[in-house]
Amino acid sequence: MKKYLREIEISGIILMFIGCIMHRFMDISGGVYVCSVGLILWLVNLLYKAFHWKEYERDNKQNIIMMIAVIIMLFILIYAKL
């Protein structure tokens, strides 16, 4: 699995991006499923790296920062609509 981590991560991110575009701009409801598959792939990669912390310490720190930034952006978007 270690050999394919980068491919799994990239394909997950691409699928999330495609799914968001399909759902948001093209009004295709199947975009949610595409985004969900991408999220699952990204989560598998994230969990593998978390269980092998010493080897992927730098990547894990970047992922934590990215998740915090995304959560903050989501809160801003939610409260901007209220």
Protein backbone atom coordinates (compact mmCIF):
# COMPACT_ATOMS: atom_id res chain seq x y z
CA MET A 1 0.00 0.00 0.00
CA LYS A 2 2.90 2.33 0.76
CA LYS A 3 3.79 2.24 -2.91
CA TYR A 4 0.39 3.61 -3.98
CA LEU A 5 -0.26 6.24 -1.30
CA ARG A 6 0.42 9.20 -3.56
CA GLU A 7 -1.86 7.86 -6.31
CA ILE A 8 -4.65 7.19 -3.81
CA GLU A 9 -4.32 10.69 -2.38
CA ILE A 10 -4.30 12.42 -5.78
CA SER A 11 -7.23 10.39 -7.11
CA GLY A 12 -9.23 11.12 -3.94
CA ILE A 13 -8.60 14.85 -4.22
CA ILE A 14 -9.48 14.86 -7.92
CA LEU A 15 -12.70 12.94 -7.29
CA MET A 16 -13.68 15.36 -4.50
CA PHE A 17 -13.04 18.30 -6.82
CA ILE A 18 -15.01 16.75 -9.70
CA GLY A 19 -17.87 15.83 -7.37
CA CYS A 20 -18.10 19.35 -5.97
CA ILE A 21 -18.15 20.85 -9.46
CA MET A 22 -20.77 18.35 -10.64
CA HIS A 23 -23.02 19.09 -7.68
CA ARG A 24 -22.53 22.84 -7.38
CA PHE A 25 -22.25 24.13 -10.94
CA MET A 26 -23.79 21.40 -13.11
CA ASP A 27 -26.66 20.54 -10.72
CA ILE A 28 -25.98 16.82 -11.05
CA SER A 29 -27.00 15.02 -7.87
CA GLY A 30 -24.54 12.18 -8.55
CA GLY A 31 -21.76 14.61 -7.72
CA VAL A 32 -22.36 13.94 -4.04
CA TYR A 33 -21.50 10.28 -4.55
CA VAL A 34 -18.39 11.08 -6.56
CA CYS A 35 -17.27 13.48 -3.85
CA SER A 36 -17.99 10.85 -1.19
CA VAL A 37 -15.83 8.26 -2.96
CA GLY A 38 -13.02 10.81 -3.19
CA LEU A 39 -13.40 11.63 0.48
CA ILE A 40 -13.21 7.94 1.42
CA LEU A 41 -10.04 7.48 -0.65
CA TRP A 42 -8.48 10.53 0.97
CA LEU A 43 -9.52 9.27 4.41
CA VAL A 44 -7.90 5.86 3.78
CA ASN A 45 -4.66 7.63 2.89
CA LEU A 46 -4.93 9.88 5.94
CA LEU A 47 -5.54 6.97 8.31
CA TYR A 48 -2.62 4.97 6.94
CA LYS A 49 -0.30 7.90 7.44
CA ALA A 50 -1.68 8.53 10.93
CA PHE A 51 -0.93 4.96 12.00
CA HIS A 52 2.62 5.32 10.65
CA TRP A 53 3.24 8.71 12.29
CA LYS A 54 7.03 8.62 12.51
CA GLU A 55 7.43 7.95 8.80
CA TYR A 56 4.86 10.55 7.66
CA GLU A 57 5.17 13.17 10.40
CA ARG A 58 5.56 16.11 8.00
CA ASP A 59 2.57 15.05 5.88
CA ASN A 60 0.45 14.54 8.98
CA LYS A 61 1.18 18.04 10.24
CA GLN A 62 0.25 19.49 6.83
CA ASN A 63 -2.98 17.48 6.80
CA ILE A 64 -3.91 18.73 10.28
CA ILE A 65 -3.32 22.35 9.24
CA MET A 66 -5.32 21.82 6.04
CA MET A 67 -8.24 20.28 7.94
CA ILE A 68 -8.30 23.15 10.44
CA ALA A 69 -8.30 25.68 7.58
CA VAL A 70 -11.16 23.88 5.80
CA ILE A 71 -13.21 23.69 9.01
CA ILE A 72 -12.72 27.42 9.58
CA MET A 73 -13.78 28.16 5.98
CA LEU A 74 -16.88 25.99 6.40
CA PHE A 75 -17.86 27.84 9.56
CA ILE A 76 -17.39 31.17 7.78
CA LEU A 77 -19.57 30.01 4.88
CA ILE A 78 -22.27 28.68 7.20
CA TYR A 79 -22.44 31.86 9.24
CA ALA A 80 -22.26 34.08 6.16
CA LYS A 81 -25.52 32.56 4.90
CA LEU A 82 -27.31 33.22 8.21
